[in-house]
Amino acid sequence: QALVSFVIDSNDMIQRFVAGCHQFVFSLHGPLYFVMVASTPEPYPALIRQLNMMHAQIVFHLTGNVAKIFEKKAGFDLRHLLGGTDDTVRSLVRNMNNNPA
């Protein structure tokens, strides 16, 4: 959350930065911020595709009312709305680790 806050506070659209052997990749989808920390040599476009797949999976589980919630509370933590989807999301992350492209 601190990284996302830093990006928001700086009024910057940081897409990625590298620190040592880690890439920090940011993707904004409406009110949702996605952050990936990768220690693999994957190219930036492959990492963005993975974040887009994660976004699609999360949107699949949410209803249209979520946009209204974010309009009223920009910092709303939607994790509790994703209850019961942990296994699906973890499976997607595991699959991306094994087959990143």
Protein backbone atom coordinates (compact mmCIF):
# COMPACT_ATOMS: atom_id res chain seq x y z
CA GLN A 1 0.00 0.00 0.00
CA ALA A 2 2.90 2.37 0.66
CA LEU A 3 4.14 2.05 -2.92
CA VAL A 4 0.72 2.82 -4.36
CA SER A 5 0.33 5.78 -2.00
CA PHE A 6 3.70 7.10 -3.10
CA VAL A 7 2.68 6.89 -6.76
CA ILE A 8 -0.66 8.60 -6.07
CA ASP A 9 0.89 11.35 -3.93
CA SER A 10 3.53 12.13 -6.53
CA ASN A 11 0.84 12.60 -9.22
CA ASP A 12 2.95 10.35 -11.40
CA MET A 13 2.01 7.36 -13.49
CA ILE A 14 4.95 5.13 -12.72
CA GLN A 15 4.62 2.00 -14.80
CA ARG A 16 7.63 0.18 -13.45
CA PHE A 17 10.97 0.51 -11.78
CA VAL A 18 13.82 -1.85 -11.10
CA ALA A 19 15.52 -2.25 -7.73
CA GLY A 20 18.33 -4.77 -7.74
CA CYS A 21 17.02 -7.94 -9.34
CA HIS A 22 13.35 -7.04 -8.79
CA GLN A 23 10.94 -5.31 -11.15
CA PHE A 24 8.06 -3.39 -9.59
CA VAL A 25 5.24 -3.13 -12.12
CA PHE A 26 2.13 -0.98 -11.66
CA SER A 27 -1.11 -1.16 -13.58
CA LEU A 28 -4.15 1.06 -13.06
CA HIS A 29 -7.61 -0.23 -13.99
CA GLY A 30 -10.13 2.44 -13.03
CA PRO A 31 -10.06 2.67 -9.25
CA LEU A 32 -8.03 -0.54 -8.89
CA TYR A 33 -4.26 -0.48 -8.60
CA PHE A 34 -2.34 -3.64 -9.33
CA VAL A 35 1.28 -4.04 -8.24
CA MET A 36 3.59 -6.89 -9.12
CA VAL A 37 7.06 -7.53 -7.77
CA ALA A 38 8.90 -9.89 -10.09
CA SER A 39 12.32 -11.42 -9.62
CA THR A 40 12.24 -13.23 -12.95
CA PRO A 41 13.77 -11.97 -16.19
CA GLU A 42 10.37 -11.64 -17.88
CA PRO A 43 9.90 -8.64 -20.14
CA TYR A 44 7.64 -5.80 -19.04
CA PRO A 45 4.87 -6.64 -21.60
CA ALA A 46 4.60 -10.19 -20.19
CA LEU A 47 4.24 -8.84 -16.66
CA ILE A 48 1.54 -6.39 -17.76
CA ARG A 49 -0.35 -9.27 -19.42
CA GLN A 50 -0.25 -11.13 -16.12
CA LEU A 51 -1.62 -8.10 -14.25
CA ASN A 52 -4.36 -7.76 -16.87
CA MET A 53 -5.29 -11.41 -16.38
CA MET A 54 -5.46 -10.85 -12.62
CA HIS A 55 -7.68 -7.81 -13.19
CA ALA A 56 -10.01 -9.81 -15.43
CA GLN A 57 -10.28 -12.56 -12.82
CA ILE A 58 -11.12 -10.10 -10.05
CA VAL A 59 -13.68 -8.20 -12.14
CA PHE A 60 -15.29 -11.53 -13.00
CA HIS A 61 -16.05 -12.03 -9.29
CA LEU A 62 -17.29 -8.53 -8.52
CA THR A 63 -20.59 -6.83 -9.27
CA GLY A 64 -21.27 -3.48 -10.90
CA ASN A 65 -21.98 -1.95 -7.50
CA VAL A 66 -18.27 -1.95 -6.72
CA ALA A 67 -17.73 1.08 -8.98
CA LYS A 68 -20.23 3.03 -6.86
CA ILE A 69 -18.39 2.01 -3.69
CA PHE A 70 -15.10 3.27 -5.12
CA GLU A 71 -16.69 6.57 -6.15
CA LYS A 72 -17.65 7.16 -2.53
CA LYS A 73 -14.56 5.62 -0.89
CA ALA A 74 -11.50 5.75 -3.15
CA GLY A 75 -9.34 3.80 -0.69
CA PHE A 76 -11.86 0.99 -0.18
CA ASP A 77 -10.26 -2.40 0.46
CA LEU A 78 -12.17 -4.89 -1.66
CA ARG A 79 -10.54 -8.02 -0.26
CA HIS A 80 -13.58 -8.93 1.82
CA LEU A 81 -15.76 -8.74 -1.32
CA LEU A 82 -13.53 -11.37 -2.89
CA GLY A 83 -14.20 -13.84 -0.10
CA GLY A 84 -14.18 -17.41 -1.35
CA THR A 85 -12.05 -16.58 -4.38
CA ASP A 86 -8.68 -17.02 -2.66
CA ASP A 87 -8.13 -20.46 -4.17
CA THR A 88 -8.95 -19.24 -7.67
CA VAL A 89 -6.66 -16.22 -7.42
CA ARG A 90 -3.84 -18.27 -5.88
CA SER A 91 -4.22 -20.84 -8.64
CA LEU A 92 -3.96 -18.10 -11.27
CA VAL A 93 -0.81 -16.70 -9.63
CA ARG A 94 0.71 -20.19 -9.37
CA ASN A 95 -0.08 -20.85 -13.03
CA MET A 96 1.53 -17.54 -14.05
CA ASN A 97 4.63 -18.48 -12.04
CA ASN A 98 4.90 -21.80 -13.89
CA ASN A 99 3.90 -20.49 -17.32
CA PRO A 100 4.43 -16.70 -17.33
CA ALA A 101 3.82 -15.91 -20.98
